Amino acid sequence: MPVLTDLAALANAERADLPPARVLSRGRRRWRRALGVVVPLLLLGGWALASGLVWISPGLLPAPWTVAEAGRDFFFGERRTTLAGVVAFDGAGWGHVGASIFRCLVSFSLAVVVGISVGLALGLSRWVADFFDPVLNALRAVPLYAWLPISLVWFGIGEGAARALIFIGALWPVLIATADSVARVPRAHIETARMLGTPRQRLWRRVYVPSALPEIVTGLRLSLTLAWMCVIVGELTGTSTGVGAMMNAARETGRIEEIVVGMFVFAVVGYGADLVLRMLTRRWVRWADT
C-alpha cells in the first residue's frame, strides 16, 4: 500500500478534530472570496467616471459602454464579413473563442504528456538529468517570440505554427515542476516504502508521483495559463480564426474597442479554465491540505 495513503488518512483524521472556531473560519472564507468582486467593480466605476469626464481619450481607451456594445456585436451581431483574408467580427465571437480554446487544449494536452514524461525521467534518473539538463535549460531561455520565425518556416503559416508556439510556451512549467518535485521527494518516504515491501520498480507510481503531485498541479496551472497567453502569439502566424486573430485584425483597422473585447475574453476564459483545473485536481492533492 502506498506510504502516502497513511499520510492522507492521518491528515483527514486531524481535520476531523478541528476546533469549532477553525471550522467557522473556513465557513467565512466564502464571504472573503466574495470580496473579490469589489476590486473589479471599483476599477469599472473608475473607468466609467474617467471616460464620462473625458479624462481618457477614446482613441486610447474607449468608454465601457462602447466596449460593451462591441462585445454584444462580437457575439450576437448579425453582420458577417465575407471578404477573403478579412477576419470576421460581428457575430463571429463564439467561433473565434472556440477556435482559440481548441488550439490551447490540443497544445496544452501534448505539453502535459511530454512535460510530465520528461520531467519524471529527469527527476528519477541522475544520469538523464546530467545529460539533458544543460540543453533543456538553454532551450527554456529562448523567448517565445524568437521561436515565431522558425516555426513559420517549419510548419508554415497558420494552424501548425500556432499550435507549435502554444506547445513551447506550455511545456516548460510542467516539465520543471515535475522534475524538481520528483527529485526532492524525501528520502524517508522512499525508505519507508521499501521497508513495507514496495518493489523498486513501483516506487515512482506509489511514492514519487503522489509525493510530488502538489507541485506538479501547480506546474499544470502555470502551464495552462501560459498556454492560454501564448494563444495570441500563435494566432499572429496567419490564422483566420481565434480571438488573437480578431485582435490583430482590429489593431490593423484601429478599432480599439474590439481589442479590449478580446482582452476581456482572454481574461474571463483564462480565469474560468484555471478554476476548472483546480476543481479537477483538488482530489489529487487533498491529502496535502493541512
Protein backbone atom coordinates (compact mmCIF):
# COMPACT_ATOMS: atom_id res chain seq x y z
CA MET A 1 0.00 0.00 0.00
CA PRO A 2 1.37 3.46 -0.79
CA VAL A 3 3.00 5.23 2.09
CA LEU A 4 1.13 8.42 1.32
CA THR A 5 -2.22 6.68 1.84
CA ASP A 6 -1.46 6.58 5.54
CA LEU A 7 -0.44 10.22 5.44
CA ALA A 8 -3.75 11.12 3.80
CA ALA A 9 -5.71 9.19 6.43
CA LEU A 10 -3.81 10.95 9.21
CA ALA A 11 -4.45 14.36 7.67
CA ASN A 12 -8.19 13.61 7.36
CA ALA A 13 -8.33 12.48 10.97
CA GLU A 14 -6.65 15.66 12.13
CA ARG A 15 -9.09 17.80 10.17
CA ALA A 16 -12.00 15.90 11.72
CA ASP A 17 -10.82 17.06 15.16
CA LEU A 18 -10.60 20.74 14.27
CA PRO A 19 -11.99 23.10 16.91
CA PRO A 20 -15.33 24.82 16.15
CA ALA A 21 -13.60 28.19 15.72
CA ARG A 22 -11.44 26.74 12.96
CA VAL A 23 -14.49 25.27 11.21
CA LEU A 24 -16.29 28.61 11.41
CA SER A 25 -13.25 30.39 9.99
CA ARG A 26 -13.42 28.08 6.99
CA GLY A 27 -17.07 28.98 6.55
CA ARG A 28 -16.17 32.67 6.43
CA ARG A 29 -13.79 32.08 3.53
CA ARG A 30 -16.74 32.14 1.15
CA TRP A 31 -17.59 35.67 2.26
CA ARG A 32 -13.98 36.76 1.89
CA ARG A 33 -13.88 35.28 -1.60
CA ALA A 34 -17.00 37.26 -2.47
CA LEU A 35 -14.99 40.40 -1.75
CA GLY A 36 -13.01 39.59 -4.87
CA VAL A 37 -15.71 41.28 -6.96
CA VAL A 38 -15.17 44.60 -5.17
CA VAL A 39 -11.92 45.49 -6.92
CA PRO A 40 -13.25 44.78 -10.46
CA LEU A 41 -16.34 46.89 -9.71
CA LEU A 42 -14.20 49.74 -8.42
CA LEU A 43 -11.99 49.58 -11.49
CA LEU A 44 -15.04 49.54 -13.76
CA GLY A 45 -16.54 52.50 -11.91
CA GLY A 46 -13.30 54.47 -12.15
CA TRP A 47 -13.06 53.65 -15.85
CA ALA A 48 -16.63 54.81 -16.46
CA LEU A 49 -16.05 58.00 -14.49
CA ALA A 50 -12.82 58.81 -16.32
CA SER A 51 -14.50 58.16 -19.67
CA GLY A 52 -17.56 60.23 -18.82
CA LEU A 53 -15.42 63.19 -17.76
CA VAL A 54 -13.16 62.70 -20.81
CA TRP A 55 -10.09 62.22 -18.63
CA ILE A 56 -9.08 59.44 -21.01
CA SER A 57 -9.02 59.88 -24.77
CA PRO A 58 -11.39 57.46 -26.55
CA GLY A 59 -8.57 56.85 -29.01
CA LEU A 60 -6.52 55.32 -26.20
CA LEU A 61 -9.23 53.59 -24.19
CA PRO A 62 -12.88 53.60 -25.28
CA ALA A 63 -15.64 54.00 -22.71
CA PRO A 64 -17.05 50.89 -21.01
CA TRP A 65 -20.38 51.23 -22.80
CA THR A 66 -18.59 51.39 -26.16
CA VAL A 67 -16.70 48.21 -25.31
CA ALA A 68 -19.91 46.57 -24.09
CA GLU A 69 -21.61 47.38 -27.39
CA ALA A 70 -18.66 45.94 -29.30
CA GLY A 71 -18.81 42.82 -27.14
CA ARG A 72 -22.50 42.40 -27.91
CA ASP A 73 -21.77 42.70 -31.63
CA PHE A 74 -18.88 40.26 -31.29
CA PHE A 75 -21.12 37.51 -30.00
CA PHE A 76 -24.60 38.41 -31.23
CA GLY A 77 -24.13 40.72 -34.21
CA GLU A 78 -25.79 39.78 -37.48
CA ARG A 79 -23.34 41.31 -39.98
CA ARG A 80 -20.62 38.89 -41.09
CA THR A 81 -17.54 39.77 -43.11
CA THR A 82 -17.25 37.58 -46.20
CA LEU A 83 -14.20 39.14 -47.86
CA ALA A 84 -11.28 36.78 -48.34
CA GLY A 85 -8.46 37.39 -45.89
CA VAL A 86 -10.59 39.55 -43.57
CA VAL A 87 -11.22 38.23 -40.06
CA ALA A 88 -14.93 38.32 -39.22
CA PHE A 89 -16.06 40.18 -36.08
CA ASP A 90 -19.81 40.74 -35.83
CA GLY A 91 -21.48 37.54 -34.72
CA ALA A 92 -18.27 35.52 -35.04
CA GLY A 93 -17.38 35.59 -31.33
CA TRP A 94 -18.36 32.02 -30.50
CA GLY A 95 -16.40 30.65 -33.43
CA HIS A 96 -13.29 32.67 -32.56
CA VAL A 97 -13.42 31.70 -28.88
CA GLY A 98 -13.99 28.05 -29.75
CA ALA A 99 -11.06 28.04 -32.19
CA SER A 100 -8.72 29.56 -29.60
CA ILE A 101 -9.82 27.17 -26.85
CA PHE A 102 -9.39 24.17 -29.14
CA ARG A 103 -5.86 25.23 -30.13
CA CYS A 104 -4.98 25.80 -26.50
CA LEU A 105 -6.34 22.47 -25.28
CA VAL A 106 -4.64 20.43 -28.01
CA SER A 107 -1.25 22.03 -27.44
CA PHE A 108 -1.63 22.06 -23.65
CA SER A 109 -2.54 18.36 -23.56
CA LEU A 110 0.51 17.46 -25.64
CA ALA A 111 2.71 19.66 -23.45
CA VAL A 112 1.41 17.93 -20.30
CA VAL A 113 2.15 14.46 -21.69
CA VAL A 114 5.64 15.41 -22.85
CA GLY A 115 6.41 17.59 -19.83
CA ILE A 116 5.41 15.03 -17.20
CA SER A 117 7.16 12.18 -19.05
CA VAL A 118 10.42 14.08 -19.48
CA GLY A 119 10.15 15.58 -16.00
CA LEU A 120 9.79 12.13 -14.43
CA ALA A 121 12.84 10.92 -16.34
CA LEU A 122 14.87 13.91 -15.20
CA GLY A 123 13.74 13.60 -11.60
CA LEU A 124 14.15 9.85 -11.27
CA SER A 125 17.48 9.45 -13.05
CA ARG A 126 20.56 11.47 -12.16
CA TRP A 127 22.22 10.30 -15.39
CA VAL A 128 19.33 11.57 -17.52
CA ALA A 129 19.33 14.88 -15.66
CA ASP A 130 23.08 15.39 -16.11
CA PHE A 131 22.84 14.51 -19.79
CA PHE A 132 19.82 16.61 -20.81
CA ASP A 133 19.64 19.40 -18.22
CA PRO A 134 22.06 21.81 -19.98
CA VAL A 135 20.26 21.54 -23.32
CA LEU A 136 16.78 21.86 -21.81
CA ASN A 137 17.70 24.88 -19.70
CA ALA A 138 19.29 26.55 -22.71
CA LEU A 139 16.16 26.00 -24.81
CA ARG A 140 13.97 27.19 -21.95
CA ALA A 141 15.80 30.52 -22.00
CA VAL A 142 14.84 31.20 -25.64
CA PRO A 143 11.96 33.75 -25.70
CA LEU A 144 8.73 32.59 -27.29
CA TYR A 145 8.85 35.34 -29.92
CA ALA A 146 12.25 34.01 -31.01
CA TRP A 147 10.51 30.76 -31.98
CA LEU A 148 8.00 32.62 -34.17
CA PRO A 149 10.08 32.99 -37.35
CA ILE A 150 11.43 29.44 -37.35
CA SER A 151 8.02 27.96 -36.54
CA LEU A 152 6.68 29.66 -39.67
CA VAL A 153 9.50 28.06 -41.66
CA TRP A 154 8.96 24.62 -40.16
CA PHE A 155 5.16 24.47 -40.03
CA GLY A 156 4.06 27.13 -42.48
CA ILE A 157 1.60 29.96 -42.00
CA GLY A 158 -1.47 29.04 -39.98
CA GLU A 159 -2.52 26.23 -37.69
CA GLY A 160 0.68 24.22 -37.37
CA ALA A 161 2.84 27.15 -36.33
CA ALA A 162 0.18 28.39 -33.88
CA ARG A 163 -0.05 25.05 -32.09
CA ALA A 164 3.74 24.68 -32.01
CA LEU A 165 4.16 28.05 -30.29
CA ILE A 166 1.47 27.29 -27.72
CA PHE A 167 3.10 23.91 -27.03
CA ILE A 168 6.51 25.52 -26.46
CA GLY A 169 5.05 28.07 -24.06
CA ALA A 170 3.12 25.45 -22.07
CA LEU A 171 5.87 22.84 -21.90
CA TRP A 172 8.39 24.35 -19.50
CA PRO A 173 6.32 24.99 -16.35
CA VAL A 174 5.01 21.43 -16.08
CA LEU A 175 8.36 19.90 -17.06
CA ILE A 176 10.36 21.89 -14.49
CA ALA A 177 7.76 21.42 -11.75
CA THR A 178 7.67 17.66 -12.32
CA ALA A 179 11.45 17.23 -12.45
CA ASP A 180 12.16 19.37 -9.38
CA SER A 181 9.37 17.94 -7.22
CA VAL A 182 10.26 14.33 -8.03
CA ALA A 183 13.95 14.95 -7.36
CA ARG A 184 13.10 16.44 -3.94
CA VAL A 185 10.91 13.60 -2.64
CA PRO A 186 12.01 12.98 1.00
CA ARG A 187 14.31 10.04 1.36
CA ALA A 188 12.30 8.90 4.39
CA HIS A 189 9.26 8.23 2.17
CA ILE A 190 11.31 6.05 -0.14
CA GLU A 191 12.97 4.09 2.66
CA THR A 192 9.65 3.55 4.46
CA ALA A 193 8.05 2.27 1.26
CA ARG A 194 10.93 -0.15 0.74
CA MET A 195 10.58 -1.39 4.33
CA LEU A 196 6.87 -2.05 3.68
CA GLY A 197 7.74 -4.22 0.71
CA THR A 198 7.17 -1.85 -2.23
CA PRO A 199 9.18 -3.13 -5.23
CA ARG A 200 11.77 -0.71 -6.56
CA GLN A 201 10.13 -0.61 -9.99
CA ARG A 202 6.87 0.62 -8.43
CA LEU A 203 8.34 3.37 -6.31
CA TRP A 204 7.72 6.01 -9.00
CA ARG A 205 3.98 5.25 -9.02
CA ARG A 206 3.45 4.68 -5.31
CA VAL A 207 5.83 7.21 -3.77
CA TYR A 208 7.46 9.64 -6.20
CA VAL A 209 4.39 10.77 -8.15
CA PRO A 210 1.95 11.03 -5.17
CA SER A 211 4.51 12.96 -3.12
CA ALA A 212 5.26 15.33 -6.00
CA LEU A 213 1.62 15.87 -7.01
CA PRO A 214 1.09 19.23 -5.23
CA GLU A 215 3.96 20.84 -7.13
CA ILE A 216 3.00 19.07 -10.35
CA VAL A 217 -0.51 20.51 -10.06
CA THR A 218 0.99 23.97 -9.58
CA GLY A 219 3.03 23.39 -12.72
CA LEU A 220 -0.11 22.37 -14.58
CA ARG A 221 -1.85 25.59 -13.56
CA LEU A 222 1.10 27.70 -14.70
CA SER A 223 1.31 25.69 -17.90
CA LEU A 224 -2.37 26.21 -18.69
CA THR A 225 -2.10 29.93 -18.01
CA LEU A 226 0.95 30.28 -20.26
CA ALA A 227 -0.68 28.17 -22.96
CA TRP A 228 -3.68 30.49 -22.99
CA MET A 229 -1.41 33.55 -23.00
CA CYS A 230 0.55 32.11 -25.93
CA VAL A 231 -2.61 31.66 -27.99
CA ILE A 232 -2.45 35.27 -29.13
CA VAL A 233 1.19 34.82 -30.19
CA GLY A 234 0.31 31.65 -32.07
CA GLU A 235 -2.58 33.33 -33.82
CA LEU A 236 -0.26 36.01 -35.19
CA THR A 237 1.04 33.38 -37.61
CA GLY A 238 -1.73 33.99 -40.14
CA THR A 239 -4.75 32.16 -38.75
CA SER A 240 -8.13 33.45 -39.85
CA THR A 241 -9.96 32.38 -36.69
CA GLY A 242 -9.32 32.86 -33.00
CA VAL A 243 -9.53 35.73 -30.54
CA GLY A 244 -5.90 36.65 -31.21
CA ALA A 245 -6.54 36.82 -34.95
CA MET A 246 -9.54 39.06 -34.31
CA MET A 247 -7.47 41.37 -32.08
CA ASN A 248 -4.72 41.58 -34.69
CA ALA A 249 -7.27 42.50 -37.37
CA ALA A 250 -8.75 45.12 -35.03
CA ARG A 251 -5.28 46.61 -34.48
CA GLU A 252 -4.75 46.95 -38.21
CA THR A 253 -8.06 48.79 -38.60
CA GLY A 254 -7.65 50.93 -35.47
CA ARG A 255 -10.71 49.55 -33.64
CA ILE A 256 -9.52 49.81 -30.04
CA GLU A 257 -12.85 48.68 -28.56
CA GLU A 258 -12.54 45.33 -30.35
CA ILE A 259 -9.06 44.86 -28.91
CA VAL A 260 -10.42 45.50 -25.41
CA VAL A 261 -13.20 42.98 -26.04
CA GLY A 262 -10.55 40.41 -26.90
CA MET A 263 -8.67 41.23 -23.69
CA PHE A 264 -11.83 40.66 -21.66
CA VAL A 265 -12.44 37.35 -23.42
CA PHE A 266 -8.90 36.20 -22.66
CA ALA A 267 -9.28 37.22 -19.00
CA VAL A 268 -12.65 35.51 -18.46
CA VAL A 269 -11.80 32.28 -20.28
CA GLY A 270 -8.38 32.06 -18.64
CA TYR A 271 -9.82 32.58 -15.16
CA GLY A 272 -12.54 30.02 -15.80
CA ALA A 273 -10.06 27.47 -17.13
CA ASP A 274 -7.93 27.84 -14.01
CA LEU A 275 -10.97 27.31 -11.77
CA VAL A 276 -11.93 24.15 -13.68
CA LEU A 277 -8.38 22.79 -13.45
CA ARG A 278 -8.27 23.46 -9.72
CA MET A 279 -11.57 21.63 -9.23
CA LEU A 280 -10.42 18.64 -11.27
CA THR A 281 -7.08 18.32 -9.46
CA ARG A 282 -8.26 19.08 -5.93
CA ARG A 283 -8.88 15.44 -5.08
CA TRP A 284 -5.34 14.52 -6.14
CA VAL A 285 -3.74 16.77 -3.51
CA ARG A 286 -6.39 16.68 -0.81
CA TRP A 287 -4.05 14.69 1.43
CA ALA A 288 -1.58 17.61 1.46
CA ASP A 289 -4.20 20.14 2.63
CA THR A 290 -3.33 20.62 6.28
